[in-house]
Amino acid sequence: MRLPDRYRRVAAGIVVVAATALVPAASALEATVTPGVGIGKVRIGMTRAQVERVLGHGELLSERAPVAGTTYLEYGWDFASWSVGFVRHGKTLRASQVGTSLRAQRTRSGVGVGSTFRAVARAYPQAVCRNYYVSMGSQVTKDPTERATSFAIVVAKNRRQLAFLVRPKVNYDFYGLWLVYQVIVRNSIAGAVDFVPKDRCDPTWKLLGRPYRTRPPNPPL
């Protein structure tokens, strides 16, 4: 039986809506993590007011540190799923670092939170593996527990850094699967503490898929 035109139009509309619901949002497929630029709509160089227009108000101060004759301030949004570090320029705060723990934010290579250690190494063969990547202006911790469990795969060029913070999927399972839990885009400034200069990862970390061959020194109990 042939349906009247108005019913056929309604049925076609239902099919279109259903099909649209099955297609991922475009933003989930686009490269949103760009070294030297930012993550998503949060860009390096934005003022605090501009960042608030993107992420909203209600941010919490998580770190304050002097660096290179100025002040570094880091704020967290949405239970730290976003973090933005600002450097003071006169009376203005401008973003110098953006971090996220959201899986939807990806690099052009498709790497982001939840990616494996091995996938990052494959996508960025020029990267280095560093022990304890710190926030700009931070002092490097001497706590052996913290130093043993915090690693980053860092791509750096001309003070522009892209860092993938990694840890075991299962707490303290140092020989198991390692995953990215945070992505950071940073444009460092002269005089800032970026990461421990000495590479502490095993020379074959890219093949191992983890920072070291054996259990780290002074591991947490």
N, C-alpha and C. Protein backbone atom coordinates (compact mmCIF):
# COMPACT_ATOMS: atom_id res chain seq x y z
N MET A 1 0.85 -1.20 0.00
CA MET A 1 0.00 0.00 0.00
C MET A 1 0.89 1.24 0.00
N ARG A 2 0.59 2.19 -0.84
CA ARG A 2 1.39 3.42 -0.96
C ARG A 2 0.93 4.43 0.09
N LEU A 3 1.91 4.93 0.90
CA LEU A 3 1.59 5.90 1.93
C LEU A 3 1.41 7.28 1.32
N PRO A 4 0.53 8.10 1.95
CA PRO A 4 0.42 9.49 1.51
C PRO A 4 1.76 10.20 1.65
N ASP A 5 1.96 11.26 0.86
CA ASP A 5 3.24 11.98 0.85
C ASP A 5 3.65 12.46 2.23
N ARG A 6 2.69 12.97 3.00
CA ARG A 6 3.07 13.55 4.31
C ARG A 6 3.62 12.47 5.24
N TYR A 7 3.12 11.22 5.14
CA TYR A 7 3.61 10.14 5.98
C TYR A 7 4.98 9.67 5.51
N ARG A 8 5.18 9.69 4.17
CA ARG A 8 6.48 9.29 3.65
C ARG A 8 7.57 10.28 4.07
N ARG A 9 7.21 11.56 4.10
CA ARG A 9 8.19 12.58 4.54
C ARG A 9 8.55 12.39 6.00
N VAL A 10 7.56 12.09 6.84
CA VAL A 10 7.82 11.85 8.26
C VAL A 10 8.72 10.63 8.44
N ALA A 11 8.42 9.56 7.70
CA ALA A 11 9.22 8.34 7.81
C ALA A 11 10.66 8.59 7.39
N ALA A 12 10.83 9.34 6.30
CA ALA A 12 12.19 9.66 5.83
C ALA A 12 12.94 10.46 6.86
N GLY A 13 12.22 11.38 7.53
CA GLY A 13 12.86 12.19 8.56
C GLY A 13 13.34 11.36 9.72
N ILE A 14 12.53 10.34 10.09
CA ILE A 14 12.92 9.46 11.19
C ILE A 14 14.19 8.69 10.84
N VAL A 15 14.29 8.22 9.59
CA VAL A 15 15.47 7.50 9.15
C VAL A 15 16.71 8.38 9.22
N VAL A 16 16.57 9.65 8.77
CA VAL A 16 17.70 10.58 8.79
C VAL A 16 18.16 10.83 10.21
N VAL A 17 17.22 11.06 11.13
CA VAL A 17 17.57 11.32 12.53
C VAL A 17 18.28 10.11 13.12
N ALA A 18 17.75 8.90 12.85
CA ALA A 18 18.37 7.69 13.38
C ALA A 18 19.78 7.50 12.85
N ALA A 19 19.96 7.76 11.56
CA ALA A 19 21.29 7.62 10.97
C ALA A 19 22.26 8.62 11.55
N THR A 20 21.77 9.85 11.76
CA THR A 20 22.63 10.90 12.33
C THR A 20 23.08 10.52 13.72
N ALA A 21 22.20 9.89 14.49
CA ALA A 21 22.53 9.51 15.85
C ALA A 21 23.66 8.49 15.90
N LEU A 22 23.83 7.73 14.81
CA LEU A 22 24.86 6.72 14.78
C LEU A 22 26.21 7.24 14.32
N VAL A 23 26.25 8.47 13.81
CA VAL A 23 27.48 9.05 13.31
C VAL A 23 28.16 9.85 14.41
N PRO A 24 29.44 9.60 14.73
CA PRO A 24 30.12 10.36 15.77
C PRO A 24 30.19 11.83 15.42
N ALA A 25 30.22 12.67 16.45
CA ALA A 25 30.36 14.11 16.23
C ALA A 25 31.66 14.39 15.51
N ALA A 26 31.64 15.40 14.66
CA ALA A 26 32.84 15.72 13.87
C ALA A 26 34.01 16.05 14.77
N SER A 27 33.74 16.72 15.90
CA SER A 27 34.83 17.12 16.79
C SER A 27 35.55 15.92 17.37
N ALA A 28 34.84 14.77 17.46
CA ALA A 28 35.47 13.58 18.01
C ALA A 28 36.43 12.95 17.01
N LEU A 29 36.31 13.31 15.74
CA LEU A 29 37.15 12.74 14.70
C LEU A 29 38.27 13.67 14.28
N GLU A 30 38.19 14.93 14.63
CA GLU A 30 39.18 15.90 14.21
C GLU A 30 40.40 15.88 15.13
N ALA A 31 41.54 16.32 14.60
CA ALA A 31 42.73 16.48 15.41
C ALA A 31 42.56 17.73 16.26
N THR A 32 42.49 17.56 17.57
CA THR A 32 42.24 18.69 18.45
C THR A 32 43.45 19.04 19.31
N VAL A 33 44.47 18.18 19.31
CA VAL A 33 45.69 18.44 20.08
C VAL A 33 46.77 18.85 19.09
N THR A 34 47.21 20.10 19.17
CA THR A 34 48.18 20.62 18.20
C THR A 34 49.36 21.24 18.93
N PRO A 35 50.56 20.69 18.77
CA PRO A 35 51.75 21.26 19.42
C PRO A 35 51.93 22.72 19.05
N GLY A 36 52.24 23.53 20.05
CA GLY A 36 52.46 24.95 19.82
C GLY A 36 51.20 25.76 19.70
N VAL A 37 50.04 25.11 19.62
CA VAL A 37 48.77 25.81 19.43
C VAL A 37 47.85 25.63 20.63
N GLY A 38 47.54 24.40 21.00
CA GLY A 38 46.66 24.17 22.14
C GLY A 38 45.90 22.87 22.00
N ILE A 39 44.82 22.76 22.78
CA ILE A 39 43.96 21.58 22.78
C ILE A 39 42.52 22.05 22.64
N GLY A 40 41.82 21.53 21.63
CA GLY A 40 40.45 21.96 21.41
C GLY A 40 40.37 23.45 21.18
N LYS A 41 39.46 24.09 21.90
CA LYS A 41 39.27 25.53 21.76
C LYS A 41 40.14 26.34 22.73
N VAL A 42 40.92 25.65 23.55
CA VAL A 42 41.82 26.34 24.48
C VAL A 42 43.18 26.47 23.83
N ARG A 43 43.62 27.69 23.60
CA ARG A 43 44.84 27.94 22.84
C ARG A 43 45.92 28.60 23.70
N ILE A 44 47.15 28.27 23.38
CA ILE A 44 48.28 28.95 24.00
C ILE A 44 48.20 30.44 23.67
N GLY A 45 48.46 31.27 24.68
CA GLY A 45 48.42 32.72 24.47
C GLY A 45 47.11 33.36 24.88
N MET A 46 46.08 32.55 25.11
CA MET A 46 44.80 33.11 25.57
C MET A 46 44.95 33.74 26.95
N THR A 47 44.16 34.76 27.21
CA THR A 47 44.10 35.32 28.56
C THR A 47 43.22 34.43 29.42
N ARG A 48 43.27 34.66 30.73
CA ARG A 48 42.42 33.87 31.63
C ARG A 48 40.95 34.09 31.30
N ALA A 49 40.59 35.31 31.00
CA ALA A 49 39.19 35.62 30.66
C ALA A 49 38.75 34.86 29.42
N GLN A 50 39.62 34.76 28.43
CA GLN A 50 39.28 34.04 27.20
C GLN A 50 39.12 32.54 27.47
N VAL A 51 39.98 32.00 28.32
CA VAL A 51 39.87 30.58 28.67
C VAL A 51 38.57 30.33 29.43
N GLU A 52 38.20 31.25 30.32
CA GLU A 52 36.96 31.09 31.08
C GLU A 52 35.74 31.11 30.17
N ARG A 53 35.82 31.84 29.07
CA ARG A 53 34.69 31.84 28.13
C ARG A 53 34.53 30.48 27.45
N VAL A 54 35.63 29.74 27.38
CA VAL A 54 35.57 28.41 26.77
C VAL A 54 35.21 27.34 27.81
N LEU A 55 35.88 27.37 28.96
CA LEU A 55 35.72 26.31 29.96
C LEU A 55 34.76 26.67 31.08
N GLY A 56 34.41 27.95 31.18
CA GLY A 56 33.50 28.37 32.23
C GLY A 56 34.24 28.88 33.46
N HIS A 57 33.47 29.34 34.43
CA HIS A 57 34.05 29.83 35.69
C HIS A 57 34.08 28.69 36.71
N GLY A 58 34.64 28.96 37.87
CA GLY A 58 34.68 27.95 38.92
C GLY A 58 35.96 27.15 38.94
N GLU A 59 37.00 27.61 38.24
CA GLU A 59 38.26 26.90 38.23
C GLU A 59 38.94 26.97 39.60
N LEU A 60 39.79 26.00 39.89
CA LEU A 60 40.49 25.94 41.16
C LEU A 60 42.00 26.07 40.93
N LEU A 61 42.65 26.89 41.73
CA LEU A 61 44.10 27.05 41.63
C LEU A 61 44.78 25.81 42.18
N SER A 62 45.62 25.19 41.36
CA SER A 62 46.31 23.97 41.79
C SER A 62 47.80 24.17 42.00
N GLU A 63 48.34 25.25 41.44
CA GLU A 63 49.77 25.48 41.61
C GLU A 63 50.11 26.94 41.38
N ARG A 64 51.06 27.43 42.17
CA ARG A 64 51.61 28.77 41.99
C ARG A 64 53.11 28.67 42.19
N ALA A 65 53.90 29.23 41.27
CA ALA A 65 55.34 29.12 41.38
C ALA A 65 56.02 30.29 40.68
N PRO A 66 57.12 30.80 41.27
CA PRO A 66 57.90 31.82 40.56
C PRO A 66 58.74 31.15 39.48
N VAL A 67 58.85 31.80 38.32
CA VAL A 67 59.68 31.25 37.25
C VAL A 67 60.17 32.38 36.36
N ALA A 68 61.47 32.42 36.18
CA ALA A 68 62.10 33.37 35.27
C ALA A 68 61.66 34.81 35.53
N GLY A 69 61.58 35.20 36.79
CA GLY A 69 61.24 36.57 37.15
C GLY A 69 59.77 36.91 37.03
N THR A 70 58.92 35.91 36.81
CA THR A 70 57.49 36.16 36.74
C THR A 70 56.77 35.09 37.56
N THR A 71 55.47 34.95 37.38
CA THR A 71 54.68 34.00 38.16
C THR A 71 53.95 33.03 37.25
N TYR A 72 54.00 31.76 37.63
CA TYR A 72 53.25 30.72 36.92
C TYR A 72 52.08 30.29 37.79
N LEU A 73 50.87 30.29 37.23
CA LEU A 73 49.67 29.88 37.94
C LEU A 73 48.95 28.80 37.12
N GLU A 74 48.61 27.70 37.78
CA GLU A 74 47.93 26.62 37.08
C GLU A 74 46.56 26.38 37.71
N TYR A 75 45.51 26.33 36.86
CA TYR A 75 44.14 26.14 37.32
C TYR A 75 43.56 24.87 36.71
N GLY A 76 42.64 24.25 37.46
CA GLY A 76 41.96 23.07 36.98
C GLY A 76 40.47 23.30 36.82
N TRP A 77 39.90 22.72 35.78
CA TRP A 77 38.46 22.80 35.51
C TRP A 77 37.87 21.40 35.48
N ASP A 78 36.62 21.30 35.89
CA ASP A 78 35.84 20.07 35.73
C ASP A 78 36.59 18.87 36.32
N PHE A 79 36.90 18.97 37.61
CA PHE A 79 37.60 17.89 38.32
C PHE A 79 38.91 17.53 37.64
N ALA A 80 39.62 18.56 37.19
CA ALA A 80 40.95 18.44 36.59
C ALA A 80 40.94 17.72 35.25
N SER A 81 39.77 17.60 34.60
CA SER A 81 39.77 17.04 33.25
C SER A 81 40.40 18.04 32.27
N TRP A 82 40.44 19.30 32.68
CA TRP A 82 41.19 20.34 31.96
C TRP A 82 42.10 21.04 32.96
N SER A 83 43.31 21.36 32.53
CA SER A 83 44.19 22.20 33.34
C SER A 83 44.86 23.21 32.41
N VAL A 84 44.99 24.42 32.88
CA VAL A 84 45.63 25.47 32.09
C VAL A 84 46.62 26.21 32.97
N GLY A 85 47.85 26.31 32.50
CA GLY A 85 48.88 27.05 33.21
C GLY A 85 49.11 28.40 32.56
N PHE A 86 49.14 29.44 33.38
CA PHE A 86 49.30 30.80 32.89
C PHE A 86 50.61 31.39 33.40
N VAL A 87 51.22 32.22 32.57
CA VAL A 87 52.39 33.01 32.97
C VAL A 87 51.95 34.47 32.98
N ARG A 88 52.34 35.16 34.05
CA ARG A 88 51.93 36.56 34.19
C ARG A 88 52.79 37.47 33.33
N HIS A 89 52.13 38.29 32.52
CA HIS A 89 52.79 39.31 31.71
C HIS A 89 52.21 40.66 32.15
N GLY A 90 52.94 41.34 33.05
CA GLY A 90 52.39 42.57 33.62
C GLY A 90 51.18 42.23 34.47
N LYS A 91 50.03 42.78 34.13
CA LYS A 91 48.80 42.49 34.86
C LYS A 91 47.97 41.39 34.20
N THR A 92 48.48 40.86 33.10
CA THR A 92 47.70 39.89 32.32
C THR A 92 48.27 38.48 32.46
N LEU A 93 47.39 37.51 32.63
CA LEU A 93 47.77 36.10 32.63
C LEU A 93 47.51 35.52 31.24
N ARG A 94 48.54 34.89 30.66
CA ARG A 94 48.37 34.27 29.35
C ARG A 94 48.75 32.80 29.43
N ALA A 95 47.95 31.97 28.78
CA ALA A 95 48.14 30.52 28.83
C ALA A 95 49.45 30.12 28.17
N SER A 96 50.22 29.31 28.87
CA SER A 96 51.46 28.76 28.31
C SER A 96 51.42 27.24 28.30
N GLN A 97 50.41 26.67 28.94
CA GLN A 97 50.30 25.21 29.01
C GLN A 97 48.82 24.82 29.07
N VAL A 98 48.45 23.79 28.32
CA VAL A 98 47.09 23.26 28.35
C VAL A 98 47.19 21.75 28.49
N GLY A 99 46.42 21.19 29.43
CA GLY A 99 46.42 19.74 29.62
C GLY A 99 45.00 19.22 29.70
N THR A 100 44.82 17.96 29.32
CA THR A 100 43.49 17.35 29.39
C THR A 100 43.59 15.87 29.68
N SER A 101 42.55 15.34 30.32
CA SER A 101 42.43 13.90 30.55
C SER A 101 41.23 13.34 29.80
N LEU A 102 40.71 14.11 28.84
CA LEU A 102 39.54 13.70 28.06
C LEU A 102 39.96 12.88 26.85
N ARG A 103 39.32 11.75 26.64
CA ARG A 103 39.68 10.84 25.56
C ARG A 103 39.35 11.41 24.18
N ALA A 104 38.40 12.31 24.10
CA ALA A 104 37.99 12.83 22.78
C ALA A 104 39.06 13.71 22.15
N GLN A 105 39.99 14.23 22.93
CA GLN A 105 41.02 15.12 22.41
C GLN A 105 42.18 14.29 21.87
N ARG A 106 42.46 14.42 20.56
CA ARG A 106 43.45 13.57 19.89
C ARG A 106 44.40 14.39 19.03
N THR A 107 45.57 13.85 18.79
CA THR A 107 46.52 14.47 17.86
C THR A 107 46.16 14.06 16.45
N ARG A 108 46.86 14.63 15.49
CA ARG A 108 46.63 14.27 14.09
C ARG A 108 46.90 12.79 13.85
N SER A 109 47.78 12.20 14.66
CA SER A 109 48.09 10.78 14.54
C SER A 109 47.07 9.90 15.25
N GLY A 110 46.06 10.52 15.87
CA GLY A 110 45.03 9.76 16.55
C GLY A 110 45.40 9.32 17.94
N VAL A 111 46.44 9.91 18.51
CA VAL A 111 46.92 9.53 19.83
C VAL A 111 46.35 10.47 20.88
N GLY A 112 46.00 9.91 22.02
CA GLY A 112 45.47 10.72 23.11
C GLY A 112 45.31 9.90 24.37
N VAL A 113 44.50 10.39 25.30
CA VAL A 113 44.27 9.68 26.55
C VAL A 113 43.68 8.31 26.24
N GLY A 114 44.24 7.28 26.86
CA GLY A 114 43.80 5.92 26.62
C GLY A 114 44.66 5.18 25.60
N SER A 115 45.49 5.91 24.84
CA SER A 115 46.39 5.25 23.89
C SER A 115 47.47 4.48 24.65
N THR A 116 47.98 3.44 24.04
CA THR A 116 49.03 2.67 24.68
C THR A 116 50.38 3.37 24.56
N PHE A 117 51.25 3.04 25.45
CA PHE A 117 52.63 3.55 25.43
C PHE A 117 53.26 3.24 24.07
N ARG A 118 53.06 2.02 23.60
CA ARG A 118 53.65 1.59 22.33
C ARG A 118 53.10 2.39 21.16
N ALA A 119 51.80 2.73 21.19
CA ALA A 119 51.18 3.49 20.10
C ALA A 119 51.78 4.89 20.02
N VAL A 120 52.06 5.50 21.16
CA VAL A 120 52.67 6.83 21.17
C VAL A 120 54.07 6.76 20.59
N ALA A 121 54.83 5.76 21.02
CA ALA A 121 56.20 5.61 20.53
C ALA A 121 56.23 5.38 19.02
N ARG A 122 55.24 4.66 18.51
CA ARG A 122 55.16 4.39 17.07
C ARG A 122 54.78 5.65 16.30
N ALA A 123 53.86 6.44 16.87
CA ALA A 123 53.39 7.65 16.20
C ALA A 123 54.43 8.77 16.23
N TYR A 124 55.26 8.78 17.29
CA TYR A 124 56.25 9.85 17.46
C TYR A 124 57.63 9.25 17.72
N PRO A 125 58.27 8.72 16.69
CA PRO A 125 59.57 8.07 16.88
C PRO A 125 60.66 9.03 17.35
N GLN A 126 60.45 10.33 17.16
CA GLN A 126 61.46 11.31 17.59
C GLN A 126 61.33 11.66 19.07
N ALA A 127 60.31 11.13 19.74
CA ALA A 127 60.06 11.49 21.14
C ALA A 127 61.13 10.91 22.06
N VAL A 128 61.20 11.47 23.26
CA VAL A 128 62.07 10.95 24.31
C VAL A 128 61.19 10.51 25.47
N CYS A 129 61.70 9.57 26.24
CA CYS A 129 60.98 9.10 27.42
C CYS A 129 61.65 9.69 28.65
N ARG A 130 60.87 10.40 29.46
CA ARG A 130 61.43 11.10 30.61
C ARG A 130 60.78 10.65 31.91
N ASN A 131 61.60 10.64 32.95
CA ASN A 131 61.10 10.35 34.28
C ASN A 131 60.64 11.64 34.94
N TYR A 132 59.43 11.66 35.40
CA TYR A 132 58.85 12.77 36.15
C TYR A 132 58.81 14.09 35.39
N TYR A 133 57.81 14.23 34.55
CA TYR A 133 57.55 15.48 33.84
C TYR A 133 56.83 16.41 34.79
N VAL A 134 57.37 17.61 34.95
CA VAL A 134 56.83 18.51 35.98
C VAL A 134 56.14 19.71 35.35
N SER A 135 55.31 20.36 36.14
CA SER A 135 54.65 21.58 35.69
C SER A 135 55.68 22.70 35.61
N MET A 136 55.43 23.66 34.77
CA MET A 136 56.36 24.75 34.56
C MET A 136 56.65 25.48 35.88
N GLY A 137 57.91 25.59 36.22
CA GLY A 137 58.27 26.29 37.44
C GLY A 137 58.32 25.42 38.67
N SER A 138 57.94 24.14 38.57
CA SER A 138 57.92 23.26 39.72
C SER A 138 59.33 22.83 40.11
N GLN A 139 59.47 22.46 41.34
CA GLN A 139 60.70 21.83 41.79
C GLN A 139 60.56 20.32 41.60
N VAL A 140 61.62 19.66 41.14
CA VAL A 140 61.56 18.23 40.92
C VAL A 140 61.50 17.51 42.26
N THR A 141 60.54 16.63 42.42
CA THR A 141 60.36 15.95 43.69
C THR A 141 61.49 14.97 43.99
N LYS A 142 61.74 14.77 45.26
CA LYS A 142 62.72 13.78 45.69
C LYS A 142 62.03 12.54 46.25
N ASP A 143 60.71 12.55 46.22
CA ASP A 143 59.95 11.42 46.73
C ASP A 143 60.13 10.23 45.80
N PRO A 144 60.76 9.13 46.26
CA PRO A 144 61.02 7.99 45.37
C PRO A 144 59.75 7.34 44.85
N THR A 145 58.68 7.39 45.63
CA THR A 145 57.40 6.81 45.17
C THR A 145 56.89 7.55 43.95
N GLU A 146 56.92 8.87 44.02
CA GLU A 146 56.41 9.68 42.92
C GLU A 146 57.31 9.57 41.69
N ARG A 147 58.60 9.54 41.92
CA ARG A 147 59.53 9.48 40.80
C ARG A 147 59.47 8.12 40.10
N ALA A 148 59.11 7.07 40.83
CA ALA A 148 59.10 5.74 40.25
C ALA A 148 57.88 5.48 39.39
N THR A 149 56.82 6.25 39.59
CA THR A 149 55.56 5.95 38.90
C THR A 149 55.14 7.02 37.91
N SER A 150 55.92 8.06 37.73
CA SER A 150 55.53 9.15 36.85
C SER A 150 56.50 9.25 35.68
N PHE A 151 55.98 9.02 34.48
CA PHE A 151 56.79 9.09 33.28
C PHE A 151 56.04 9.84 32.19
N ALA A 152 56.77 10.33 31.22
CA ALA A 152 56.15 11.03 30.10
C ALA A 152 56.93 10.75 28.82
N ILE A 153 56.19 10.67 27.72
CA ILE A 153 56.79 10.61 26.40
C ILE A 153 56.66 12.01 25.82
N VAL A 154 57.79 12.65 25.53
CA VAL A 154 57.80 14.07 25.20
C VAL A 154 58.35 14.31 23.79
N VAL A 155 57.60 15.08 23.02
CA VAL A 155 58.06 15.57 21.72
C VAL A 155 58.34 17.05 21.89
N ALA A 156 59.56 17.48 21.68
CA ALA A 156 59.93 18.86 21.94
C ALA A 156 60.70 19.46 20.78
N LYS A 157 60.38 20.71 20.45
CA LYS A 157 61.10 21.43 19.42
C LYS A 157 60.91 22.93 19.64
N ASN A 158 62.03 23.65 19.73
CA ASN A 158 61.98 25.11 19.90
C ASN A 158 61.10 25.53 21.07
N ARG A 159 61.26 24.83 22.18
CA ARG A 159 60.54 25.11 23.43
C ARG A 159 59.04 24.82 23.33
N ARG A 160 58.62 24.22 22.24
CA ARG A 160 57.24 23.77 22.12
C ARG A 160 57.21 22.27 22.43
N GLN A 161 56.39 21.91 23.38
CA GLN A 161 56.39 20.53 23.84
C GLN A 161 55.01 19.90 23.76
N LEU A 162 54.99 18.64 23.39
CA LEU A 162 53.79 17.81 23.43
C LEU A 162 54.15 16.63 24.30
N ALA A 163 53.46 16.47 25.42
CA ALA A 163 53.79 15.42 26.38
C ALA A 163 52.61 14.50 26.62
N PHE A 164 52.90 13.20 26.65
CA PHE A 164 51.91 12.18 26.97
C PHE A 164 52.31 11.57 28.31
N LEU A 165 51.56 11.86 29.36
CA LEU A 165 51.86 11.29 30.66
C LEU A 165 51.31 9.87 30.71
N VAL A 166 52.14 8.94 31.14
CA VAL A 166 51.79 7.52 31.08
C VAL A 166 51.95 6.86 32.44
N ARG A 167 51.18 5.80 32.65
CA ARG A 167 51.27 5.00 33.87
C ARG A 167 50.68 3.62 33.59
N PRO A 168 50.96 2.65 34.47
CA PRO A 168 50.40 1.31 34.25
C PRO A 168 48.87 1.32 34.29
N LYS A 169 48.25 0.51 33.45
CA LYS A 169 46.79 0.41 33.45
C LYS A 169 46.30 -0.07 34.79
N VAL A 170 47.03 -1.02 35.38
CA VAL A 170 46.73 -1.52 36.72
C VAL A 170 47.78 -0.97 37.66
N ASN A 171 47.36 -0.34 38.74
CA ASN A 171 48.29 0.29 39.67
C ASN A 171 49.42 -0.65 40.06
N TYR A 172 50.65 -0.16 39.92
CA TYR A 172 51.87 -0.85 40.32
C TYR A 172 52.16 -2.10 39.50
N ASP A 173 51.42 -2.34 38.42
CA ASP A 173 51.73 -3.45 37.52
C ASP A 173 52.75 -2.94 36.50
N PHE A 174 54.00 -2.83 36.95
CA PHE A 174 55.02 -2.18 36.15
C PHE A 174 55.38 -2.95 34.88
N TYR A 175 55.09 -4.23 34.83
CA TYR A 175 55.42 -5.03 33.66
C TYR A 175 54.22 -5.20 32.73
N GLY A 176 53.10 -4.63 33.10
CA GLY A 176 51.88 -4.76 32.31
C GLY A 176 51.73 -3.66 31.27
N LEU A 177 50.48 -3.42 30.88
CA LEU A 177 50.17 -2.44 29.85
C LEU A 177 50.23 -1.02 30.41
N TRP A 178 50.92 -0.14 29.70
CA TRP A 178 51.00 1.28 30.08
C TRP A 178 50.13 2.09 29.13
N LEU A 179 49.39 3.06 29.72
CA LEU A 179 48.47 3.88 28.94
C LEU A 179 48.70 5.37 29.21
N VAL A 180 48.29 6.20 28.26
CA VAL A 180 48.32 7.66 28.44
C VAL A 180 47.14 8.06 29.33
N TYR A 181 47.42 8.87 30.37
CA TYR A 181 46.33 9.35 31.22
C TYR A 181 46.16 10.87 31.15
N GLN A 182 47.10 11.56 30.54
CA GLN A 182 46.96 13.00 30.35
C GLN A 182 47.82 13.44 29.17
N VAL A 183 47.33 14.42 28.42
CA VAL A 183 48.07 15.01 27.31
C VAL A 183 48.30 16.49 27.62
N ILE A 184 49.51 16.96 27.37
CA ILE A 184 49.87 18.35 27.68
C ILE A 184 50.50 19.00 26.45
N VAL A 185 50.05 20.19 26.13
CA VAL A 185 50.69 21.04 25.13
C VAL A 185 51.26 22.24 25.86
N ARG A 186 52.54 22.49 25.68
CA ARG A 186 53.21 23.56 26.43
C ARG A 186 54.15 24.34 25.54
N ASN A 187 54.10 25.66 25.65
CA ASN A 187 55.12 26.52 25.07
C ASN A 187 55.93 27.07 26.23
N SER A 188 57.06 26.45 26.48
CA SER A 188 57.85 26.79 27.65
C SER A 188 58.50 28.15 27.50
N ILE A 189 58.91 28.70 28.62
CA ILE A 189 59.63 29.97 28.61
C ILE A 189 61.02 29.75 29.18
N ALA A 190 61.96 30.58 28.79
CA ALA A 190 63.33 30.45 29.27
C ALA A 190 63.36 30.53 30.79
N GLY A 191 64.07 29.61 31.41
CA GLY A 191 64.19 29.59 32.86
C GLY A 191 63.21 28.66 33.54
N ALA A 192 62.28 28.07 32.78
CA ALA A 192 61.30 27.17 33.37
C ALA A 192 61.88 25.78 33.53
N VAL A 193 61.41 25.07 34.58
CA VAL A 193 61.76 23.67 34.76
C VAL A 193 60.77 22.86 33.95
N ASP A 194 61.25 22.12 32.96
CA ASP A 194 60.36 21.38 32.07
C ASP A 194 60.26 19.91 32.42
N PHE A 195 61.41 19.24 32.52
CA PHE A 195 61.46 17.85 32.92
C PHE A 195 62.88 17.55 33.33
N VAL A 196 63.06 16.45 34.05
CA VAL A 196 64.40 16.09 34.47
C VAL A 196 65.28 15.91 33.24
N PRO A 197 66.39 16.64 33.13
CA PRO A 197 67.20 16.58 31.91
C PRO A 197 67.70 15.18 31.57
N LYS A 198 68.02 14.39 32.58
CA LYS A 198 68.59 13.07 32.33
C LYS A 198 67.48 12.07 31.99
N ASP A 199 67.66 11.38 30.88
CA ASP A 199 66.71 10.35 30.46
C ASP A 199 66.90 9.12 31.35
N ARG A 200 65.86 8.76 32.08
CA ARG A 200 65.95 7.63 33.00
C ARG A 200 65.28 6.37 32.48
N CYS A 201 64.77 6.41 31.26
CA CYS A 201 64.07 5.25 30.71
C CYS A 201 65.07 4.27 30.10
N ASP A 202 64.66 3.01 30.03
CA ASP A 202 65.49 1.99 29.43
C ASP A 202 65.77 2.35 27.97
N PRO A 203 66.98 2.09 27.46
CA PRO A 203 67.30 2.44 26.07
C PRO A 203 66.37 1.79 25.05
N THR A 204 65.76 0.67 25.41
CA THR A 204 64.87 -0.03 24.47
C THR A 204 63.40 0.20 24.81
N TRP A 205 63.07 1.36 25.39
CA TRP A 205 61.69 1.60 25.84
C TRP A 205 60.68 1.53 24.71
N LYS A 206 61.09 1.90 23.51
CA LYS A 206 60.14 1.87 22.38
C LYS A 206 59.75 0.44 22.03
N LEU A 207 60.67 -0.49 22.20
CA LEU A 207 60.36 -1.90 21.93
C LEU A 207 59.64 -2.53 23.11
N LEU A 208 59.99 -2.10 24.31
CA LEU A 208 59.40 -2.69 25.51
C LEU A 208 57.93 -2.30 25.67
N GLY A 209 57.60 -1.07 25.27
CA GLY A 209 56.25 -0.58 25.51
C GLY A 209 56.06 -0.14 26.95
N ARG A 210 57.15 0.16 27.62
CA ARG A 210 57.12 0.67 28.99
C ARG A 210 58.45 1.38 29.24
N PRO A 211 58.54 2.17 30.30
CA PRO A 211 59.75 2.99 30.49
C PRO A 211 61.02 2.22 30.80
N TYR A 212 60.92 1.01 31.36
CA TYR A 212 62.13 0.33 31.80
C TYR A 212 61.96 -1.18 31.65
N ARG A 213 63.09 -1.84 31.68
CA ARG A 213 63.09 -3.30 31.50
C ARG A 213 62.75 -4.02 32.79
N THR A 214 63.26 -3.51 33.91
CA THR A 214 63.05 -4.16 35.19
C THR A 214 62.28 -3.24 36.12
N ARG A 215 61.94 -3.74 37.27
CA ARG A 215 61.20 -2.98 38.27
C ARG A 215 61.97 -1.72 38.63
N PRO A 216 61.30 -0.57 38.76
CA PRO A 216 62.02 0.69 39.05
C PRO A 216 62.64 0.68 40.43
N PRO A 217 63.66 1.48 40.65
CA PRO A 217 64.28 1.55 41.99
C PRO A 217 63.30 2.19 42.97
N ASN A 218 63.34 1.67 44.20
CA ASN A 218 62.49 2.18 45.28
C ASN A 218 61.03 2.26 44.88
N PRO A 219 60.45 1.17 44.38
CA PRO A 219 59.02 1.24 43.98
C PRO A 219 58.12 1.38 45.19
N PRO A 220 56.92 1.90 45.01
CA PRO A 220 56.00 2.02 46.14
C PRO A 220 55.56 0.65 46.62
N LEU A 221 55.27 0.53 47.89
CA LEU A 221 54.85 -0.75 48.48
C LEU A 221 53.37 -0.96 48.22
